[in-house]
Amino acid sequence: MPAAIAIVAYRPEHADALVALWRASFQHGVGVAVPNSVQEHRRYLEERLLPEATLHVALRDGAVAGFIASTPAAVLQLYVHVDHLGQGIGTRLLDLAKARSDGTLWLYTFASNTRAQRFYEHHGFDIVARGFEPELQQDDIRYEWARGVQRPRGDRGPGSASPPGIA
């Protein structure tokens, strides 16, 4: 039986493991390698993400198993270690963001990340727009969630009558 998960506030000693997890999970989910170096990724964490968002880390046996960076309005990053997918860690992190929100959240995911799409749609997020992320040259999807809004299964908002292929 796997060890219990503890959700804690981010601390600087989590940085190396968090960046390694983030890179591996991104490549697993999106299907492309992160184009930036580890140092650039770490700098992005420290100089952009930490000032903008609150970070929480999921720990299993003291090791980083997932993390979320969120604001009261948005989920900026949510990644779970590939060895821990499907174990409820992402749900716990997302539930934390929902509880800390103002009642609505928005986020983006890449169109190639069908696992993330299923996850967010399962958790009440609706597709509101499709676009293109120019830096990584990837199609993306904007999702929104509102507390108390429940739609019948299959009604996931504009443009979602035929969701992308399920992997």
N, C-alpha and C. Protein backbone atom coordinates (compact mmCIF):
# COMPACT_ATOMS: atom_id res chain seq x y z
N MET A 1 0.84 -1.19 0.00
CA MET A 1 0.00 0.00 0.00
C MET A 1 0.88 1.24 0.00
N PRO A 2 0.63 2.20 -0.94
CA PRO A 2 1.46 3.40 -0.99
C PRO A 2 1.32 4.24 0.27
N ALA A 3 2.38 4.96 0.58
CA ALA A 3 2.37 5.85 1.74
C ALA A 3 1.38 7.00 1.51
N ALA A 4 0.92 7.56 2.60
CA ALA A 4 -0.01 8.69 2.54
C ALA A 4 0.67 9.89 1.89
N ILE A 5 -0.15 10.74 1.31
CA ILE A 5 0.32 11.96 0.67
C ILE A 5 0.10 13.12 1.62
N ALA A 6 1.13 13.94 1.78
CA ALA A 6 1.03 15.18 2.55
C ALA A 6 1.10 16.34 1.56
N ILE A 7 0.19 17.29 1.69
CA ILE A 7 0.22 18.50 0.87
C ILE A 7 0.79 19.61 1.75
N VAL A 8 1.89 20.20 1.31
CA VAL A 8 2.57 21.22 2.10
C VAL A 8 2.86 22.44 1.22
N ALA A 9 3.09 23.56 1.88
CA ALA A 9 3.50 24.76 1.16
C ALA A 9 4.90 24.53 0.58
N TYR A 10 5.13 25.05 -0.60
CA TYR A 10 6.43 24.95 -1.26
C TYR A 10 7.52 25.55 -0.38
N ARG A 11 8.65 24.88 -0.37
CA ARG A 11 9.86 25.39 0.30
C ARG A 11 11.01 25.31 -0.70
N PRO A 12 12.00 26.18 -0.59
CA PRO A 12 13.12 26.18 -1.54
C PRO A 12 13.81 24.83 -1.70
N GLU A 13 13.84 24.02 -0.67
CA GLU A 13 14.49 22.70 -0.79
C GLU A 13 13.73 21.76 -1.72
N HIS A 14 12.51 22.11 -2.11
CA HIS A 14 11.75 21.30 -3.06
C HIS A 14 12.12 21.60 -4.52
N ALA A 15 12.84 22.68 -4.77
CA ALA A 15 13.03 23.20 -6.13
C ALA A 15 13.61 22.18 -7.10
N ASP A 16 14.70 21.53 -6.76
CA ASP A 16 15.34 20.62 -7.71
C ASP A 16 14.42 19.46 -8.08
N ALA A 17 13.81 18.84 -7.09
CA ALA A 17 12.91 17.72 -7.36
C ALA A 17 11.67 18.19 -8.11
N LEU A 18 11.16 19.37 -7.77
CA LEU A 18 9.98 19.90 -8.44
C LEU A 18 10.27 20.14 -9.92
N VAL A 19 11.39 20.77 -10.23
CA VAL A 19 11.73 21.05 -11.63
C VAL A 19 11.94 19.74 -12.40
N ALA A 20 12.59 18.77 -11.80
CA ALA A 20 12.79 17.47 -12.46
C ALA A 20 11.45 16.80 -12.75
N LEU A 21 10.56 16.79 -11.77
CA LEU A 21 9.22 16.22 -11.95
C LEU A 21 8.47 16.96 -13.04
N TRP A 22 8.50 18.29 -12.99
CA TRP A 22 7.79 19.15 -13.94
C TRP A 22 8.23 18.82 -15.37
N ARG A 23 9.52 18.71 -15.59
CA ARG A 23 10.06 18.45 -16.92
C ARG A 23 9.65 17.05 -17.41
N ALA A 24 9.79 16.06 -16.55
CA ALA A 24 9.45 14.68 -16.94
C ALA A 24 7.95 14.54 -17.20
N SER A 25 7.14 15.15 -16.35
CA SER A 25 5.68 15.06 -16.51
C SER A 25 5.21 15.81 -17.74
N PHE A 26 5.82 16.95 -18.01
CA PHE A 26 5.50 17.71 -19.22
C PHE A 26 5.78 16.85 -20.46
N GLN A 27 6.96 16.28 -20.52
CA GLN A 27 7.32 15.46 -21.68
C GLN A 27 6.38 14.26 -21.81
N HIS A 28 6.04 13.64 -20.69
CA HIS A 28 5.13 12.50 -20.71
C HIS A 28 3.74 12.90 -21.22
N GLY A 29 3.21 14.01 -20.72
CA GLY A 29 1.85 14.42 -21.06
C GLY A 29 1.72 15.08 -22.42
N VAL A 30 2.67 15.95 -22.75
CA VAL A 30 2.58 16.74 -23.98
C VAL A 30 3.24 16.01 -25.15
N GLY A 31 4.21 15.17 -24.83
CA GLY A 31 4.86 14.39 -25.88
C GLY A 31 6.05 15.05 -26.54
N VAL A 32 6.50 16.16 -25.96
CA VAL A 32 7.71 16.83 -26.45
C VAL A 32 8.59 17.19 -25.27
N ALA A 33 9.87 17.26 -25.52
CA ALA A 33 10.81 17.65 -24.46
C ALA A 33 10.66 19.14 -24.16
N VAL A 34 10.92 19.53 -22.93
CA VAL A 34 10.94 20.94 -22.55
C VAL A 34 12.11 21.59 -23.30
N PRO A 35 11.85 22.66 -24.05
CA PRO A 35 12.91 23.23 -24.86
C PRO A 35 13.94 24.04 -24.07
N ASN A 36 13.63 24.38 -22.84
CA ASN A 36 14.53 25.19 -22.02
C ASN A 36 15.45 24.30 -21.20
N SER A 37 16.59 24.84 -20.83
CA SER A 37 17.51 24.10 -19.97
C SER A 37 16.95 23.99 -18.57
N VAL A 38 17.51 23.10 -17.78
CA VAL A 38 17.10 22.96 -16.38
C VAL A 38 17.31 24.28 -15.64
N GLN A 39 18.41 24.96 -15.91
CA GLN A 39 18.69 26.24 -15.25
C GLN A 39 17.64 27.29 -15.62
N GLU A 40 17.25 27.34 -16.90
CA GLU A 40 16.21 28.28 -17.31
C GLU A 40 14.87 27.94 -16.67
N HIS A 41 14.57 26.67 -16.57
CA HIS A 41 13.33 26.22 -15.95
C HIS A 41 13.31 26.62 -14.48
N ARG A 42 14.42 26.41 -13.80
CA ARG A 42 14.54 26.79 -12.38
C ARG A 42 14.39 28.30 -12.21
N ARG A 43 15.01 29.05 -13.12
CA ARG A 43 14.90 30.52 -13.07
C ARG A 43 13.44 30.95 -13.27
N TYR A 44 12.72 30.27 -14.19
CA TYR A 44 11.30 30.57 -14.41
C TYR A 44 10.52 30.32 -13.11
N LEU A 45 10.79 29.21 -12.46
CA LEU A 45 10.13 28.90 -11.18
C LEU A 45 10.36 30.03 -10.18
N GLU A 46 11.61 30.41 -10.02
CA GLU A 46 11.97 31.38 -8.98
C GLU A 46 11.58 32.82 -9.30
N GLU A 47 11.72 33.22 -10.56
CA GLU A 47 11.54 34.62 -10.91
C GLU A 47 10.14 34.96 -11.43
N ARG A 48 9.43 33.97 -11.96
CA ARG A 48 8.11 34.24 -12.51
C ARG A 48 6.99 33.57 -11.72
N LEU A 49 7.14 32.26 -11.50
CA LEU A 49 6.04 31.51 -10.90
C LEU A 49 5.86 31.83 -9.42
N LEU A 50 6.95 31.79 -8.66
CA LEU A 50 6.83 32.04 -7.22
C LEU A 50 6.28 33.43 -6.89
N PRO A 51 6.68 34.49 -7.60
CA PRO A 51 6.09 35.80 -7.29
C PRO A 51 4.61 35.91 -7.67
N GLU A 52 4.15 35.13 -8.65
CA GLU A 52 2.78 35.25 -9.14
C GLU A 52 1.79 34.34 -8.45
N ALA A 53 2.24 33.21 -7.92
CA ALA A 53 1.31 32.17 -7.48
C ALA A 53 1.69 31.62 -6.12
N THR A 54 0.76 30.89 -5.54
CA THR A 54 1.02 30.10 -4.35
C THR A 54 1.31 28.69 -4.80
N LEU A 55 2.40 28.11 -4.31
CA LEU A 55 2.77 26.76 -4.69
C LEU A 55 2.56 25.82 -3.52
N HIS A 56 1.97 24.67 -3.83
CA HIS A 56 1.83 23.58 -2.87
C HIS A 56 2.42 22.32 -3.49
N VAL A 57 3.03 21.52 -2.64
CA VAL A 57 3.73 20.31 -3.08
C VAL A 57 3.08 19.11 -2.41
N ALA A 58 2.90 18.05 -3.19
CA ALA A 58 2.43 16.78 -2.65
C ALA A 58 3.66 15.93 -2.38
N LEU A 59 3.79 15.46 -1.14
CA LEU A 59 4.93 14.65 -0.74
C LEU A 59 4.47 13.25 -0.40
N ARG A 60 5.19 12.26 -0.89
CA ARG A 60 4.98 10.86 -0.51
C ARG A 60 6.33 10.37 0.00
N ASP A 61 6.36 9.92 1.24
CA ASP A 61 7.62 9.49 1.88
C ASP A 61 8.69 10.57 1.77
N GLY A 62 8.29 11.83 1.86
CA GLY A 62 9.22 12.94 1.81
C GLY A 62 9.67 13.34 0.42
N ALA A 63 9.26 12.59 -0.61
CA ALA A 63 9.65 12.90 -1.98
C ALA A 63 8.53 13.65 -2.69
N VAL A 64 8.91 14.58 -3.56
CA VAL A 64 7.93 15.37 -4.31
C VAL A 64 7.21 14.45 -5.30
N ALA A 65 5.89 14.36 -5.15
CA ALA A 65 5.07 13.51 -6.01
C ALA A 65 4.17 14.34 -6.92
N GLY A 66 4.07 15.64 -6.67
CA GLY A 66 3.25 16.52 -7.50
C GLY A 66 3.31 17.93 -6.96
N PHE A 67 2.81 18.88 -7.75
CA PHE A 67 2.74 20.26 -7.27
C PHE A 67 1.68 21.02 -8.04
N ILE A 68 1.23 22.10 -7.43
CA ILE A 68 0.30 23.02 -8.07
C ILE A 68 0.76 24.44 -7.78
N ALA A 69 0.67 25.28 -8.80
CA ALA A 69 0.89 26.71 -8.67
C ALA A 69 -0.42 27.37 -9.06
N SER A 70 -1.03 28.08 -8.11
CA SER A 70 -2.34 28.66 -8.39
C SER A 70 -2.48 30.03 -7.76
N THR A 71 -3.44 30.77 -8.28
CA THR A 71 -3.86 32.05 -7.71
C THR A 71 -5.35 31.89 -7.39
N PRO A 72 -5.99 32.87 -6.77
CA PRO A 72 -7.43 32.75 -6.55
C PRO A 72 -8.24 32.66 -7.85
N ALA A 73 -7.63 32.99 -8.99
CA ALA A 73 -8.34 32.99 -10.27
C ALA A 73 -7.89 31.90 -11.23
N ALA A 74 -6.69 31.32 -11.03
CA ALA A 74 -6.15 30.45 -12.07
C ALA A 74 -5.28 29.33 -11.51
N VAL A 75 -5.24 28.25 -12.26
CA VAL A 75 -4.26 27.18 -12.03
C VAL A 75 -3.18 27.41 -13.09
N LEU A 76 -2.01 27.84 -12.65
CA LEU A 76 -0.94 28.15 -13.60
C LEU A 76 -0.14 26.91 -13.98
N GLN A 77 0.04 26.01 -13.03
CA GLN A 77 0.76 24.75 -13.29
C GLN A 77 0.19 23.68 -12.36
N LEU A 78 0.03 22.47 -12.88
CA LEU A 78 -0.36 21.32 -12.06
C LEU A 78 0.28 20.10 -12.71
N TYR A 79 1.20 19.48 -11.98
CA TYR A 79 1.90 18.31 -12.49
C TYR A 79 2.01 17.26 -11.40
N VAL A 80 1.89 16.01 -11.81
CA VAL A 80 2.06 14.87 -10.92
C VAL A 80 3.16 14.00 -11.51
N HIS A 81 4.02 13.49 -10.64
CA HIS A 81 5.10 12.60 -11.06
C HIS A 81 4.52 11.44 -11.85
N VAL A 82 5.15 11.07 -12.96
CA VAL A 82 4.60 10.03 -13.83
C VAL A 82 4.40 8.71 -13.10
N ASP A 83 5.19 8.43 -12.08
CA ASP A 83 5.03 7.19 -11.31
C ASP A 83 3.84 7.22 -10.36
N HIS A 84 3.22 8.40 -10.21
CA HIS A 84 2.12 8.56 -9.26
C HIS A 84 0.81 8.98 -9.93
N LEU A 85 0.75 8.90 -11.25
CA LEU A 85 -0.49 9.26 -11.96
C LEU A 85 -1.61 8.30 -11.58
N GLY A 86 -2.82 8.84 -11.52
CA GLY A 86 -4.00 8.01 -11.26
C GLY A 86 -4.17 7.60 -9.81
N GLN A 87 -3.46 8.25 -8.90
CA GLN A 87 -3.54 7.89 -7.48
C GLN A 87 -4.22 8.96 -6.63
N GLY A 88 -4.87 9.94 -7.26
CA GLY A 88 -5.62 10.95 -6.53
C GLY A 88 -4.82 12.17 -6.13
N ILE A 89 -3.55 12.22 -6.47
CA ILE A 89 -2.72 13.37 -6.08
C ILE A 89 -3.16 14.64 -6.81
N GLY A 90 -3.37 14.54 -8.11
CA GLY A 90 -3.83 15.70 -8.88
C GLY A 90 -5.17 16.20 -8.38
N THR A 91 -6.06 15.29 -8.03
CA THR A 91 -7.37 15.67 -7.50
C THR A 91 -7.22 16.45 -6.20
N ARG A 92 -6.38 15.96 -5.31
CA ARG A 92 -6.18 16.68 -4.04
C ARG A 92 -5.60 18.08 -4.26
N LEU A 93 -4.64 18.19 -5.17
CA LEU A 93 -4.05 19.49 -5.46
C LEU A 93 -5.08 20.42 -6.10
N LEU A 94 -5.85 19.90 -7.05
CA LEU A 94 -6.87 20.72 -7.70
C LEU A 94 -7.97 21.13 -6.72
N ASP A 95 -8.37 20.23 -5.83
CA ASP A 95 -9.36 20.57 -4.82
C ASP A 95 -8.86 21.71 -3.92
N LEU A 96 -7.58 21.71 -3.62
CA LEU A 96 -6.99 22.80 -2.83
C LEU A 96 -7.14 24.12 -3.57
N ALA A 97 -6.81 24.13 -4.86
CA ALA A 97 -6.94 25.36 -5.66
C ALA A 97 -8.39 25.83 -5.72
N LYS A 98 -9.31 24.89 -5.88
CA LYS A 98 -10.74 25.25 -5.91
C LYS A 98 -11.15 25.87 -4.58
N ALA A 99 -10.72 25.29 -3.48
CA ALA A 99 -11.08 25.80 -2.15
C ALA A 99 -10.50 27.20 -1.91
N ARG A 100 -9.34 27.47 -2.47
CA ARG A 100 -8.67 28.76 -2.28
C ARG A 100 -9.11 29.80 -3.33
N SER A 101 -9.95 29.37 -4.28
CA SER A 101 -10.34 30.26 -5.37
C SER A 101 -11.44 31.22 -4.93
N ASP A 102 -11.74 32.15 -5.83
CA ASP A 102 -12.85 33.07 -5.62
C ASP A 102 -14.16 32.48 -6.14
N GLY A 103 -14.15 31.19 -6.48
CA GLY A 103 -15.36 30.53 -6.98
C GLY A 103 -15.28 30.21 -8.46
N THR A 104 -14.25 30.71 -9.13
CA THR A 104 -13.99 30.36 -10.52
C THR A 104 -12.49 30.17 -10.70
N LEU A 105 -12.14 29.35 -11.68
CA LEU A 105 -10.73 29.15 -12.04
C LEU A 105 -10.63 29.02 -13.55
N TRP A 106 -9.54 29.45 -14.09
CA TRP A 106 -9.22 29.19 -15.49
C TRP A 106 -7.85 28.53 -15.54
N LEU A 107 -7.60 27.84 -16.64
CA LEU A 107 -6.30 27.21 -16.86
C LEU A 107 -6.17 26.87 -18.33
N TYR A 108 -4.95 26.57 -18.73
CA TYR A 108 -4.67 26.10 -20.08
C TYR A 108 -4.02 24.74 -20.00
N THR A 109 -4.28 23.92 -21.01
CA THR A 109 -3.55 22.68 -21.19
C THR A 109 -3.28 22.54 -22.68
N PHE A 110 -2.29 21.75 -23.01
CA PHE A 110 -1.97 21.55 -24.42
C PHE A 110 -2.93 20.53 -25.02
N ALA A 111 -3.29 20.75 -26.27
CA ALA A 111 -4.24 19.87 -26.95
C ALA A 111 -3.71 18.44 -27.05
N SER A 112 -2.42 18.28 -27.09
CA SER A 112 -1.85 16.92 -27.18
C SER A 112 -1.91 16.17 -25.86
N ASN A 113 -2.19 16.87 -24.76
CA ASN A 113 -2.23 16.24 -23.44
C ASN A 113 -3.65 15.78 -23.13
N THR A 114 -4.04 14.68 -23.77
CA THR A 114 -5.41 14.20 -23.63
C THR A 114 -5.71 13.71 -22.21
N ARG A 115 -4.72 13.20 -21.52
CA ARG A 115 -4.93 12.78 -20.13
C ARG A 115 -5.34 13.98 -19.27
N ALA A 116 -4.67 15.11 -19.45
CA ALA A 116 -5.03 16.32 -18.70
C ALA A 116 -6.43 16.79 -19.07
N GLN A 117 -6.77 16.71 -20.34
CA GLN A 117 -8.12 17.12 -20.75
C GLN A 117 -9.18 16.28 -20.05
N ARG A 118 -9.00 14.97 -20.02
CA ARG A 118 -9.97 14.10 -19.34
C ARG A 118 -10.03 14.44 -17.85
N PHE A 119 -8.89 14.67 -17.25
CA PHE A 119 -8.82 15.01 -15.83
C PHE A 119 -9.61 16.28 -15.54
N TYR A 120 -9.34 17.35 -16.27
CA TYR A 120 -10.01 18.62 -15.99
C TYR A 120 -11.50 18.54 -16.29
N GLU A 121 -11.88 17.87 -17.36
CA GLU A 121 -13.30 17.74 -17.67
C GLU A 121 -14.01 16.91 -16.60
N HIS A 122 -13.35 15.88 -16.11
CA HIS A 122 -13.91 15.06 -15.02
C HIS A 122 -14.13 15.90 -13.77
N HIS A 123 -13.30 16.92 -13.58
CA HIS A 123 -13.38 17.77 -12.39
C HIS A 123 -14.15 19.06 -12.63
N GLY A 124 -15.01 19.06 -13.66
CA GLY A 124 -15.96 20.15 -13.85
C GLY A 124 -15.48 21.33 -14.67
N PHE A 125 -14.34 21.22 -15.30
CA PHE A 125 -13.85 22.31 -16.15
C PHE A 125 -14.45 22.18 -17.54
N ASP A 126 -14.75 23.31 -18.14
CA ASP A 126 -15.34 23.36 -19.48
C ASP A 126 -14.37 24.04 -20.44
N ILE A 127 -14.34 23.55 -21.66
CA ILE A 127 -13.56 24.19 -22.71
C ILE A 127 -14.26 25.50 -23.07
N VAL A 128 -13.50 26.59 -23.08
CA VAL A 128 -14.06 27.87 -23.48
C VAL A 128 -13.36 28.44 -24.71
N ALA A 129 -12.17 27.95 -25.01
CA ALA A 129 -11.46 28.43 -26.20
C ALA A 129 -10.36 27.46 -26.59
N ARG A 130 -10.04 27.48 -27.86
CA ARG A 130 -8.89 26.73 -28.37
C ARG A 130 -7.96 27.74 -29.01
N GLY A 131 -6.66 27.53 -28.82
CA GLY A 131 -5.71 28.49 -29.35
C GLY A 131 -4.37 27.85 -29.68
N PHE A 132 -3.36 28.68 -29.65
CA PHE A 132 -2.01 28.25 -30.01
C PHE A 132 -1.02 28.95 -29.11
N GLU A 133 -0.12 28.17 -28.50
CA GLU A 133 0.92 28.72 -27.63
C GLU A 133 2.17 28.87 -28.49
N PRO A 134 2.57 30.12 -28.79
CA PRO A 134 3.64 30.34 -29.77
C PRO A 134 5.04 29.93 -29.32
N GLU A 135 5.35 30.07 -28.03
CA GLU A 135 6.71 29.75 -27.58
C GLU A 135 7.02 28.26 -27.77
N LEU A 136 6.08 27.40 -27.41
CA LEU A 136 6.29 25.96 -27.55
C LEU A 136 5.71 25.40 -28.84
N GLN A 137 5.05 26.28 -29.62
CA GLN A 137 4.48 25.88 -30.91
C GLN A 137 3.50 24.72 -30.75
N GLN A 138 2.57 24.86 -29.80
CA GLN A 138 1.60 23.81 -29.49
C GLN A 138 0.19 24.39 -29.46
N ASP A 139 -0.78 23.63 -29.99
CA ASP A 139 -2.18 24.00 -29.82
C ASP A 139 -2.52 23.86 -28.34
N ASP A 140 -3.35 24.79 -27.84
CA ASP A 140 -3.75 24.71 -26.44
C ASP A 140 -5.25 24.90 -26.29
N ILE A 141 -5.70 24.62 -25.08
CA ILE A 141 -7.13 24.70 -24.75
C ILE A 141 -7.26 25.49 -23.44
N ARG A 142 -8.17 26.44 -23.44
CA ARG A 142 -8.48 27.17 -22.21
C ARG A 142 -9.71 26.53 -21.59
N TYR A 143 -9.61 26.24 -20.30
CA TYR A 143 -10.69 25.67 -19.52
C TYR A 143 -11.11 26.65 -18.44
N GLU A 144 -12.38 26.57 -18.06
CA GLU A 144 -12.87 27.35 -16.92
C GLU A 144 -13.76 26.48 -16.05
N TRP A 145 -13.75 26.77 -14.77
CA TRP A 145 -14.57 26.08 -13.77
C TRP A 145 -15.25 27.14 -12.93
N ALA A 146 -16.50 26.85 -12.53
CA ALA A 146 -17.23 27.73 -11.62
C ALA A 146 -17.88 26.87 -10.54
N ARG A 147 -17.69 27.26 -9.29
CA ARG A 147 -18.27 26.54 -8.16
C ARG A 147 -19.79 26.49 -8.32
N GLY A 148 -20.34 25.32 -8.11
CA GLY A 148 -21.78 25.15 -8.15
C GLY A 148 -22.36 24.92 -9.53
N VAL A 149 -21.55 25.03 -10.58
CA VAL A 149 -22.04 24.80 -11.94
C VAL A 149 -21.78 23.34 -12.29
N GLN A 150 -22.85 22.61 -12.53
CA GLN A 150 -22.73 21.22 -12.93
C GLN A 150 -23.49 21.03 -14.23
N ARG A 151 -22.81 20.49 -15.22
CA ARG A 151 -23.43 20.24 -16.51
C ARG A 151 -23.58 18.75 -16.70
N PRO A 152 -24.59 18.36 -17.45
CA PRO A 152 -24.72 16.94 -17.75
C PRO A 152 -23.49 16.44 -18.49
N ARG A 153 -23.12 15.19 -18.25
CA ARG A 153 -21.97 14.62 -18.95
C ARG A 153 -22.15 14.76 -20.45
N GLY A 154 -21.09 15.13 -21.12
CA GLY A 154 -21.16 15.32 -22.56
C GLY A 154 -21.39 16.77 -22.94
N ASP A 155 -21.87 17.61 -22.00
CA ASP A 155 -22.07 19.03 -22.27
C ASP A 155 -20.94 19.79 -21.60
N ARG A 156 -19.86 19.94 -22.32
CA ARG A 156 -18.67 20.56 -21.74
C ARG A 156 -18.36 21.91 -22.37
N GLY A 157 -19.37 22.57 -22.87
CA GLY A 157 -19.16 23.93 -23.34
C GLY A 157 -18.84 24.02 -24.82
N PRO A 158 -18.60 25.25 -25.30
CA PRO A 158 -18.39 25.50 -26.71
C PRO A 158 -17.19 24.73 -27.25
N GLY A 159 -17.37 24.17 -28.42
CA GLY A 159 -16.25 23.52 -29.10
C GLY A 159 -15.89 22.16 -28.55
N SER A 160 -16.67 21.64 -27.65
CA SER A 160 -16.27 20.38 -27.03
C SER A 160 -17.19 19.21 -27.35
N ALA A 161 -18.04 19.36 -28.32
CA ALA A 161 -18.95 18.27 -28.65
C ALA A 161 -18.18 17.03 -29.05
N SER A 162 -17.02 17.22 -29.61
CA SER A 162 -16.20 16.09 -30.01
C SER A 162 -14.80 16.29 -29.44
N PRO A 163 -14.57 15.84 -28.19
CA PRO A 163 -13.28 16.08 -27.58
C PRO A 163 -12.17 15.37 -28.35
N PRO A 164 -10.94 15.87 -28.21
CA PRO A 164 -9.82 15.23 -28.88
C PRO A 164 -9.70 13.77 -28.48
N GLY A 165 -9.01 13.02 -29.30
CA GLY A 165 -8.85 11.58 -29.08
C GLY A 165 -8.36 11.24 -27.69
N ILE A 166 -8.84 10.17 -27.18
CA ILE A 166 -8.45 9.71 -25.85
C ILE A 166 -7.33 8.70 -26.02
N ALA A 167 -6.23 8.94 -25.32
CA ALA A 167 -5.08 8.04 -25.41
C ALA A 167 -5.24 6.90 -24.43
